[in-house]
Amino acid sequence: MENGERLPTLLNAATGMPLFEPMAYILTQVRATAAAANTITAHLSAIAILLIHTDTWGIDLSRRIASGAFLDLNEIDALAAAVKLKSKDLLSRLLKSKARTHSDAAPTIPLERVRKRAPVVREQTVNRYTAANRMRVIYAYLYWLTDDHLARIQSTHPNYGVTLAKRDQMLEAIDARILREGSSSSNREGLDPEEREALLECIEPNSPNNPWKDSRVAARNKLIVLLLYHLGIRGGELLAAYVDDLDFRSNAMKIVRRPDNPLDPRSIQPTVKTLERILPVNQGLIDLAFAYLGERRAVQGSSKHPFLLVETDHGRPLSKSALAKIFKEIRSTNKKMLSRVTPHVLRHDWNDRFSEAMDRGNVPEAKEEKYRSNMMGWAEGSNTAETYTKRHIRRKASEYSLKMQAKALGDNNNG
């Protein structure tokens, strides 16, 4: 939009027009809360899953709600299974169901012939966290849709009580099927020392494991990895950074919030999710960034915007997909040692190393939490650190447990 806002939109594939009910929900219930574009995209993706699923099953959702029939338990069970699948596999199901509908009059083909030539397609699943979030969005969307219907028929309608009870039963059934075992990201941890060594070795320009042959690409990607590794910032925070956010006089980098930035030409805008802050940067890393800026100026088109990281062939700001590709290339160089390397794993790894540094400095726990929250951009007392310090906590707990065991065994031996 003209003011820089990104408004994700769910379109009818046949007409190219926005779908009215999903967009009305987004505009009144999600966008109105000042939700970021990525949040709106996640909501629309979940609603799309619902619509693909109901279309596959031949369910006219609007007609069902208007009639007060809603979804039955079998359909809700099928929906709970559908939210676990990748979107492309759900679309494949839909296309197959449409093909079966159009081929009812086709000649019968012997079953054995079909089995011999039909390839076995294994559907891929998303993680539990994604599936649970999809189901939560679908719950909220159906609540909004059915609430609108109930408001239209009002309490004076003779079937209002029955319709309300059926609606509540449907929502309770959906809520009961939302996975609550916790997110897969809660198990994410930083790197092992060997993995760290392999990563830092692979990004060196003279390394035989370096996946980038172009020297400009190699220099830029080394800077990207080291900024994420040493500062613990999010990938989106790095992609959103301006050249001027690097302060070469004070050796620091500013993390600045710029939501709906009209200067950002990327359709999916990388954003800063945490608090603004200023991070110290080692002189060696500052020198590397300064050298990169010399290479950046030589890239045609890079002067048209203020963003730090650019595509080396056309100068546009580096995209999220390009960052993901960089880490995919890193992982491909050593599938055994680098299979877990992602920007967010590096954030976890920074927190592991920060915990170790605080232990070596005998920093009190309360101060450590304040220091960590300041560096990560978290509000004090938010308890977000618990997500990023699980490995360190487990290791310290193991150490204390072993000390207790040693003491007990020593006492017994002495006795």
Protein backbone atom coordinates (compact mmCIF):
# COMPACT_ATOMS: atom_id res chain seq x y z
CA MET A 1 0.00 0.00 0.00
CA GLU A 2 1.12 3.62 -0.44
CA ASN A 3 2.01 4.01 3.24
CA GLY A 4 4.26 0.93 3.12
CA GLU A 5 1.82 -1.44 4.81
CA ARG A 6 1.77 -5.04 3.53
CA LEU A 7 -1.74 -6.50 3.51
CA PRO A 8 -1.68 -10.20 2.62
CA THR A 9 -4.84 -11.18 0.75
CA LEU A 10 -6.56 -14.51 0.15
CA LEU A 11 -7.78 -14.73 -3.44
CA ASN A 12 -10.24 -16.93 -5.30
CA ALA A 13 -8.03 -18.90 -7.69
CA ALA A 14 -10.69 -18.89 -10.41
CA THR A 15 -11.66 -15.19 -10.35
CA GLY A 16 -8.57 -13.57 -8.81
CA MET A 17 -10.86 -11.64 -6.45
CA PRO A 18 -10.36 -11.49 -2.66
CA LEU A 19 -12.48 -13.97 -0.68
CA PHE A 20 -14.99 -11.86 1.20
CA GLU A 21 -15.46 -13.70 4.50
CA PRO A 22 -11.79 -14.47 5.18
CA MET A 23 -10.77 -10.90 4.36
CA ALA A 24 -13.60 -9.43 6.45
CA TYR A 25 -12.33 -11.53 9.36
CA ILE A 26 -8.74 -10.42 8.80
CA LEU A 27 -9.63 -6.73 8.54
CA THR A 28 -11.92 -6.64 11.58
CA GLN A 29 -10.33 -9.19 13.90
CA VAL A 30 -6.61 -9.42 13.05
CA ARG A 31 -5.43 -6.29 11.23
CA ALA A 32 -7.39 -4.15 13.69
CA THR A 33 -5.06 -5.35 16.46
CA ALA A 34 -2.05 -3.89 14.56
CA ALA A 35 -0.85 -7.40 13.72
CA ALA A 36 2.22 -7.62 11.49
CA ALA A 37 1.95 -8.79 7.89
CA ASN A 38 3.59 -12.11 8.78
CA THR A 39 0.91 -12.72 11.43
CA ILE A 40 -1.85 -11.96 8.93
CA THR A 41 -0.22 -14.33 6.44
CA ALA A 42 -0.20 -17.11 9.04
CA HIS A 43 -3.92 -16.54 9.75
CA LEU A 44 -4.81 -16.56 6.06
CA SER A 45 -2.74 -19.69 5.46
CA ALA A 46 -4.68 -21.52 8.17
CA ILE A 47 -8.01 -20.33 6.76
CA ALA A 48 -6.86 -21.48 3.31
CA ILE A 49 -6.17 -24.93 4.79
CA LEU A 50 -9.74 -25.00 6.12
CA LEU A 51 -11.21 -23.98 2.75
CA ILE A 52 -9.09 -26.45 0.78
CA HIS A 53 -10.14 -29.21 3.18
CA THR A 54 -13.85 -28.41 3.04
CA ASP A 55 -13.71 -28.12 -0.74
CA THR A 56 -12.02 -31.52 -0.93
CA TRP A 57 -14.81 -33.02 1.19
CA GLY A 58 -17.50 -31.26 -0.83
CA ILE A 59 -18.57 -29.12 2.13
CA ASP A 60 -20.15 -25.74 1.40
CA LEU A 61 -19.10 -24.02 4.62
CA SER A 62 -21.28 -20.93 4.18
CA ARG A 63 -24.37 -23.07 3.49
CA ARG A 64 -23.63 -25.32 6.43
CA ILE A 65 -23.38 -22.38 8.81
CA ALA A 66 -26.50 -20.74 7.37
CA SER A 67 -28.43 -23.96 7.91
CA GLY A 68 -27.10 -24.40 11.45
CA ALA A 69 -25.66 -27.84 10.63
CA PHE A 70 -21.97 -26.88 11.08
CA LEU A 71 -19.28 -29.60 11.04
CA ASP A 72 -19.79 -33.08 12.50
CA LEU A 73 -17.23 -35.07 14.50
CA ASN A 74 -16.00 -37.11 11.53
CA GLU A 75 -15.36 -33.93 9.55
CA ILE A 76 -13.57 -32.33 12.50
CA ASP A 77 -11.36 -35.40 12.93
CA ALA A 78 -10.49 -35.21 9.23
CA LEU A 79 -9.76 -31.49 9.64
CA ALA A 80 -7.44 -32.20 12.59
CA ALA A 81 -5.54 -34.60 10.34
CA ALA A 82 -5.50 -32.13 7.44
CA VAL A 83 -3.85 -29.29 9.42
CA LYS A 84 -0.83 -31.55 9.94
CA LEU A 85 -0.12 -31.75 6.20
CA LYS A 86 1.88 -29.44 3.97
CA SER A 87 -0.29 -27.16 1.84
CA LYS A 88 0.93 -28.67 -1.43
CA ASP A 89 -0.24 -32.12 -0.34
CA LEU A 90 -3.67 -30.76 0.63
CA LEU A 91 -3.93 -29.10 -2.78
CA SER A 92 -2.96 -32.40 -4.37
CA ARG A 93 -5.83 -34.07 -2.49
CA LEU A 94 -8.22 -31.42 -3.75
CA LEU A 95 -7.11 -31.83 -7.37
CA LYS A 96 -7.47 -35.59 -7.11
CA SER A 97 -10.98 -35.26 -5.70
CA LYS A 98 -11.92 -32.93 -8.56
CA ALA A 99 -10.43 -35.35 -11.08
CA ARG A 100 -12.46 -38.21 -9.64
CA THR A 101 -15.61 -36.11 -9.88
CA HIS A 102 -14.99 -35.32 -13.55
CA SER A 103 -14.04 -38.89 -14.47
CA ASP A 104 -17.16 -40.66 -13.17
CA ALA A 105 -18.18 -41.51 -16.73
CA ALA A 106 -14.70 -42.64 -17.81
CA PRO A 107 -14.11 -46.28 -18.83
CA THR A 108 -13.37 -48.68 -15.98
CA ILE A 109 -9.67 -49.55 -15.60
CA PRO A 110 -8.67 -52.81 -13.90
CA LEU A 111 -7.41 -52.22 -10.36
CA GLU A 112 -4.15 -54.15 -10.93
CA ARG A 113 -3.22 -51.84 -13.83
CA VAL A 114 -3.77 -48.79 -11.65
CA ARG A 115 -1.65 -50.24 -8.83
CA LYS A 116 1.23 -51.04 -11.17
CA ARG A 117 1.50 -47.60 -12.73
CA ALA A 118 0.44 -45.36 -9.83
CA PRO A 119 3.46 -44.05 -7.87
CA VAL A 120 3.28 -44.11 -4.09
CA VAL A 121 3.13 -40.51 -2.89
CA ARG A 122 3.98 -39.92 0.74
CA GLU A 123 2.36 -36.83 2.16
CA GLN A 124 4.62 -34.54 4.16
CA THR A 125 3.66 -33.14 7.54
CA VAL A 126 4.37 -29.86 9.31
CA ASN A 127 5.60 -29.70 12.89
CA ARG A 128 3.21 -29.86 15.83
CA TYR A 129 3.60 -26.18 16.59
CA THR A 130 2.42 -25.21 13.11
CA ALA A 131 -0.46 -27.70 13.17
CA ALA A 132 -1.62 -26.43 16.56
CA ASN A 133 -1.46 -22.80 15.42
CA ARG A 134 -3.46 -23.63 12.30
CA MET A 135 -6.15 -25.26 14.41
CA ARG A 136 -6.28 -22.27 16.78
CA VAL A 137 -6.78 -19.87 13.87
CA ILE A 138 -9.48 -22.12 12.37
CA TYR A 139 -11.21 -22.20 15.76
CA ALA A 140 -11.18 -18.38 15.97
CA TYR A 141 -12.35 -18.00 12.37
CA LEU A 142 -15.24 -20.45 12.76
CA TYR A 143 -16.19 -18.81 16.05
CA TRP A 144 -16.37 -15.46 14.25
CA LEU A 145 -18.34 -16.88 11.30
CA THR A 146 -20.85 -18.70 13.46
CA ASP A 147 -21.16 -15.79 15.88
CA ASP A 148 -22.14 -13.60 12.94
CA HIS A 149 -24.77 -16.16 11.94
CA LEU A 150 -26.15 -16.37 15.48
CA ALA A 151 -26.33 -12.58 15.68
CA ARG A 152 -28.39 -12.56 12.48
CA ILE A 153 -30.99 -15.07 13.65
CA GLN A 154 -31.04 -13.54 17.15
CA SER A 155 -32.39 -15.13 20.31
CA THR A 156 -36.01 -14.87 19.15
CA HIS A 157 -35.50 -17.47 16.42
CA PRO A 158 -37.22 -20.77 17.36
CA ASN A 159 -34.06 -22.80 16.59
CA TYR A 160 -31.64 -20.38 18.24
CA GLY A 161 -31.00 -22.53 21.32
CA VAL A 162 -30.42 -25.70 19.28
CA THR A 163 -28.18 -23.87 16.81
CA LEU A 164 -26.15 -22.31 19.63
CA ALA A 165 -25.68 -25.72 21.27
CA LYS A 166 -24.55 -27.29 17.98
CA ARG A 167 -22.13 -24.43 17.39
CA ASP A 168 -20.64 -24.82 20.87
CA GLN A 169 -20.29 -28.58 20.39
CA MET A 170 -18.40 -28.01 17.15
CA LEU A 171 -16.04 -25.48 18.73
CA GLU A 172 -15.46 -27.69 21.78
CA ALA A 173 -14.58 -30.59 19.48
CA ILE A 174 -12.11 -28.42 17.54
CA ASP A 175 -10.57 -27.10 20.76
CA ALA A 176 -10.15 -30.65 22.08
CA ARG A 177 -8.15 -31.55 18.97
CA ILE A 178 -5.64 -28.71 19.25
CA LEU A 179 -2.27 -30.27 20.03
CA ARG A 180 -0.93 -29.06 23.35
CA GLU A 181 2.28 -31.05 23.74
CA GLY A 182 4.31 -27.90 23.14
CA SER A 183 6.07 -26.57 20.09
CA SER A 184 8.85 -28.30 18.24
CA SER A 185 10.83 -25.08 18.55
CA SER A 186 10.88 -25.57 22.34
CA ASN A 187 13.35 -28.42 21.74
CA ARG A 188 15.65 -26.33 19.56
CA GLU A 189 19.16 -25.91 20.94
CA GLY A 190 22.43 -24.32 19.96
CA LEU A 191 25.35 -26.02 18.26
CA ASP A 192 27.85 -28.50 19.65
CA PRO A 193 31.51 -27.31 19.71
CA GLU A 194 32.28 -29.51 16.71
CA GLU A 195 29.35 -28.06 14.77
CA ARG A 196 30.50 -24.52 15.56
CA GLU A 197 34.00 -25.32 14.32
CA ALA A 198 32.65 -26.82 11.09
CA LEU A 199 30.43 -23.79 10.47
CA LEU A 200 33.15 -21.19 11.05
CA GLU A 201 35.58 -23.17 8.90
CA CYS A 202 33.14 -23.56 6.01
CA ILE A 203 32.49 -19.81 5.60
CA GLU A 204 36.19 -18.94 5.21
CA PRO A 205 36.88 -17.91 1.56
CA ASN A 206 39.89 -20.23 1.25
CA SER A 207 38.06 -23.24 2.72
CA PRO A 208 37.52 -26.19 0.35
CA ASN A 209 34.08 -26.53 1.97
CA ASN A 210 33.00 -22.98 1.14
CA PRO A 211 29.95 -23.34 -1.16
CA TRP A 212 30.28 -19.91 -2.83
CA LYS A 213 32.68 -19.46 -5.74
CA ASP A 214 31.93 -15.76 -6.31
CA SER A 215 34.20 -13.77 -3.96
CA ARG A 216 31.59 -11.04 -3.42
CA VAL A 217 28.95 -13.59 -2.48
CA ALA A 218 31.39 -15.40 -0.19
CA ALA A 219 32.36 -12.15 1.59
CA ARG A 220 28.75 -11.08 2.08
CA ASN A 221 27.66 -14.49 3.35
CA LYS A 222 30.56 -14.72 5.76
CA LEU A 223 29.50 -11.35 7.21
CA ILE A 224 25.89 -12.57 7.49
CA VAL A 225 26.85 -15.72 9.38
CA LEU A 226 29.23 -13.92 11.72
CA LEU A 227 26.76 -11.14 12.56
CA LEU A 228 24.12 -13.74 13.43
CA TYR A 229 26.65 -15.87 15.31
CA HIS A 230 28.29 -13.10 17.36
CA LEU A 231 25.28 -10.84 17.99
CA GLY A 232 22.53 -13.44 18.42
CA ILE A 233 20.09 -11.33 16.39
CA ARG A 234 17.19 -12.71 14.37
CA GLY A 235 17.45 -13.18 10.64
CA GLY A 236 14.68 -10.62 10.12
CA GLU A 237 16.51 -8.07 12.24
CA LEU A 238 19.62 -8.44 10.10
CA LEU A 239 17.70 -8.23 6.81
CA ALA A 240 15.92 -5.08 8.06
CA ALA A 241 19.16 -3.33 9.05
CA TYR A 242 20.26 -0.12 7.30
CA VAL A 243 23.86 0.68 6.39
CA ASP A 244 23.63 3.57 8.85
CA ASP A 245 22.67 1.18 11.65
CA LEU A 246 26.34 0.21 11.78
CA ASP A 247 28.26 2.77 13.85
CA PHE A 248 31.93 2.51 12.87
CA ARG A 249 33.00 5.13 15.42
CA SER A 250 31.64 3.39 18.50
CA ASN A 251 31.81 -0.18 17.13
CA ALA A 252 28.11 -0.83 17.54
CA MET A 253 25.05 -1.93 15.62
CA LYS A 254 21.56 -0.53 16.16
CA ILE A 255 18.51 -2.78 15.96
CA VAL A 256 15.68 -0.47 14.91
CA ARG A 257 11.97 -1.15 14.48
CA ARG A 258 10.62 0.09 11.12
CA PRO A 259 7.24 -1.62 10.58
CA ASP A 260 5.49 -0.98 7.25
CA ASN A 261 8.60 0.74 5.92
CA PRO A 262 7.72 2.47 2.59
CA LEU A 263 11.41 2.32 1.58
CA ASP A 264 11.37 -1.49 1.64
CA PRO A 265 10.49 -2.87 -1.83
CA ARG A 266 10.22 -6.49 -0.59
CA SER A 267 6.66 -7.87 -0.64
CA ILE A 268 7.44 -9.83 2.54
CA GLN A 269 9.06 -7.29 4.81
CA PRO A 270 11.62 -8.54 7.35
CA THR A 271 10.76 -6.96 10.68
CA VAL A 272 12.22 -6.47 14.15
CA LYS A 273 10.05 -8.42 16.57
CA THR A 274 11.88 -7.47 19.76
CA LEU A 275 12.76 -4.19 21.46
CA GLU A 276 15.13 -1.70 19.87
CA ARG A 277 18.68 -1.86 21.21
CA ILE A 278 22.33 -1.07 20.52
CA LEU A 279 24.75 -4.01 20.38
CA PRO A 280 28.55 -3.86 20.73
CA VAL A 281 30.49 -5.20 17.75
CA ASN A 282 34.05 -6.55 17.86
CA GLN A 283 36.66 -4.61 15.86
CA GLY A 284 37.34 -7.58 13.60
CA LEU A 285 33.66 -7.83 12.70
CA ILE A 286 33.46 -4.07 12.15
CA ASP A 287 36.42 -4.30 9.77
CA LEU A 288 34.71 -7.11 7.88
CA ALA A 289 31.53 -5.02 7.58
CA PHE A 290 33.52 -2.00 6.37
CA ALA A 291 35.19 -4.10 3.67
CA TYR A 292 31.79 -5.45 2.63
CA LEU A 293 30.41 -1.93 2.20
CA GLY A 294 33.14 -1.27 -0.36
CA GLU A 295 31.91 -4.31 -2.32
CA ARG A 296 28.28 -3.26 -1.81
CA ARG A 297 28.84 0.18 -3.39
CA ALA A 298 30.08 -1.51 -6.57
CA VAL A 299 26.82 -3.45 -6.98
CA GLN A 300 24.52 -1.73 -9.48
CA GLY A 301 21.23 -0.67 -7.88
CA SER A 302 22.46 -0.87 -4.29
CA SER A 303 22.39 2.94 -3.88
CA LYS A 304 18.62 3.04 -4.44
CA HIS A 305 17.83 1.92 -0.88
CA PRO A 306 19.41 2.10 2.60
CA PHE A 307 19.45 -1.62 3.45
CA LEU A 308 22.74 -3.19 4.49
CA LEU A 309 22.52 -6.56 2.76
CA VAL A 310 21.94 -6.73 -0.99
CA GLU A 311 21.66 -9.25 -3.78
CA THR A 312 25.01 -9.18 -5.58
CA ASP A 313 23.55 -9.37 -9.09
CA HIS A 314 20.94 -6.58 -9.02
CA GLY A 315 21.45 -4.65 -5.77
CA ARG A 316 17.98 -5.16 -4.33
CA PRO A 317 17.65 -5.78 -0.56
CA LEU A 318 18.36 -9.38 0.38
CA SER A 319 15.11 -11.33 0.82
CA LYS A 320 14.05 -13.89 3.39
CA SER A 321 14.10 -16.61 0.78
CA ALA A 322 17.65 -15.63 -0.23
CA LEU A 323 18.77 -15.86 3.40
CA ALA A 324 17.15 -19.28 3.70
CA LYS A 325 18.98 -20.36 0.53
CA ILE A 326 22.33 -19.28 2.00
CA PHE A 327 21.83 -21.54 5.00
CA LYS A 328 20.58 -24.37 2.82
CA GLU A 329 23.86 -24.13 0.89
CA ILE A 330 25.80 -24.19 4.15
CA ARG A 331 23.97 -27.31 5.32
CA SER A 332 24.63 -29.04 2.01
CA THR A 333 28.42 -28.78 2.49
CA ASN A 334 28.43 -31.06 5.51
CA LYS A 335 25.12 -32.82 6.14
CA LYS A 336 26.49 -34.58 9.20
CA MET A 337 27.91 -31.58 11.07
CA LEU A 338 25.82 -28.69 9.71
CA SER A 339 22.36 -30.23 9.27
CA ARG A 340 20.93 -28.14 12.13
CA VAL A 341 22.39 -24.78 11.15
CA THR A 342 19.75 -22.05 10.67
CA PRO A 343 19.68 -18.37 11.65
CA HIS A 344 17.50 -19.14 14.65
CA VAL A 345 19.70 -21.99 15.84
CA LEU A 346 22.55 -19.47 15.86
CA ARG A 347 20.42 -17.32 18.17
CA HIS A 348 20.06 -20.30 20.50
CA ASP A 349 23.78 -20.94 20.22
CA TRP A 350 24.59 -17.34 21.17
CA ASN A 351 22.54 -17.81 24.34
CA ASP A 352 24.40 -21.04 25.19
CA ARG A 353 27.74 -19.25 24.83
CA PHE A 354 26.46 -16.23 26.79
CA SER A 355 25.44 -18.53 29.66
CA GLU A 356 28.90 -20.07 29.69
CA ALA A 357 30.51 -16.60 29.76
CA MET A 358 28.28 -15.54 32.67
CA ASP A 359 29.25 -18.69 34.58
CA ARG A 360 32.95 -18.01 34.02
CA GLY A 361 32.45 -14.47 35.31
CA ASN A 362 30.42 -15.65 38.33
CA VAL A 363 27.66 -13.21 37.37
CA PRO A 364 24.62 -13.47 39.70
CA GLU A 365 21.52 -14.98 38.11
CA ALA A 366 19.41 -11.82 38.43
CA LYS A 367 22.05 -9.71 36.67
CA GLU A 368 22.57 -12.37 34.01
CA GLU A 369 18.85 -12.25 33.17
CA LYS A 370 18.97 -8.44 32.83
CA TYR A 371 22.07 -8.56 30.65
CA ARG A 372 20.60 -11.26 28.42
CA SER A 373 17.24 -9.49 28.04
CA ASN A 374 19.04 -6.28 27.08
CA MET A 375 21.11 -8.00 24.39
CA MET A 376 18.20 -10.02 22.99
CA GLY A 377 15.64 -7.20 23.04
CA TRP A 378 13.32 -8.86 25.53
CA ALA A 379 11.33 -7.06 28.19
CA GLU A 380 12.70 -7.79 31.65
CA GLY A 381 10.70 -10.46 33.44
CA SER A 382 9.25 -11.90 30.23
CA ASN A 383 10.76 -15.36 30.90
CA THR A 384 11.61 -15.64 27.19
CA ALA A 385 15.14 -16.65 28.14
CA GLU A 386 13.88 -20.05 29.28
CA THR A 387 13.26 -20.97 25.64
CA TYR A 388 16.89 -20.24 24.75
CA THR A 389 18.75 -21.64 27.78
CA LYS A 390 17.43 -25.20 28.02
CA ARG A 391 20.72 -26.86 27.08
CA HIS A 392 22.66 -24.79 29.63
CA ILE A 393 20.10 -25.45 32.36
CA ARG A 394 20.15 -29.18 31.62
CA ARG A 395 23.95 -29.25 31.69
CA LYS A 396 24.11 -27.36 34.99
CA ALA A 397 21.43 -29.61 36.49
CA SER A 398 23.43 -32.67 35.40
CA GLU A 399 26.59 -31.25 37.01
CA TYR A 400 24.83 -30.65 40.33
CA SER A 401 23.23 -34.09 40.18
CA LEU A 402 26.63 -35.73 39.64
CA LYS A 403 28.11 -33.74 42.54
CA MET A 404 25.27 -34.95 44.78
CA GLN A 405 25.87 -38.54 43.69
CA ALA A 406 29.63 -38.24 44.26
CA LYS A 407 29.09 -36.77 47.69
CA ALA A 408 26.61 -39.48 48.64
CA LEU A 409 28.87 -42.26 47.40
CA GLY A 410 31.84 -40.67 49.14
CA ASP A 411 29.94 -40.47 52.41
CA ASN A 412 28.88 -44.10 52.10
CA ASN A 413 32.43 -45.22 51.37
CA ASN A 414 33.71 -43.25 54.32
CA GLY A 415 31.06 -44.82 56.49
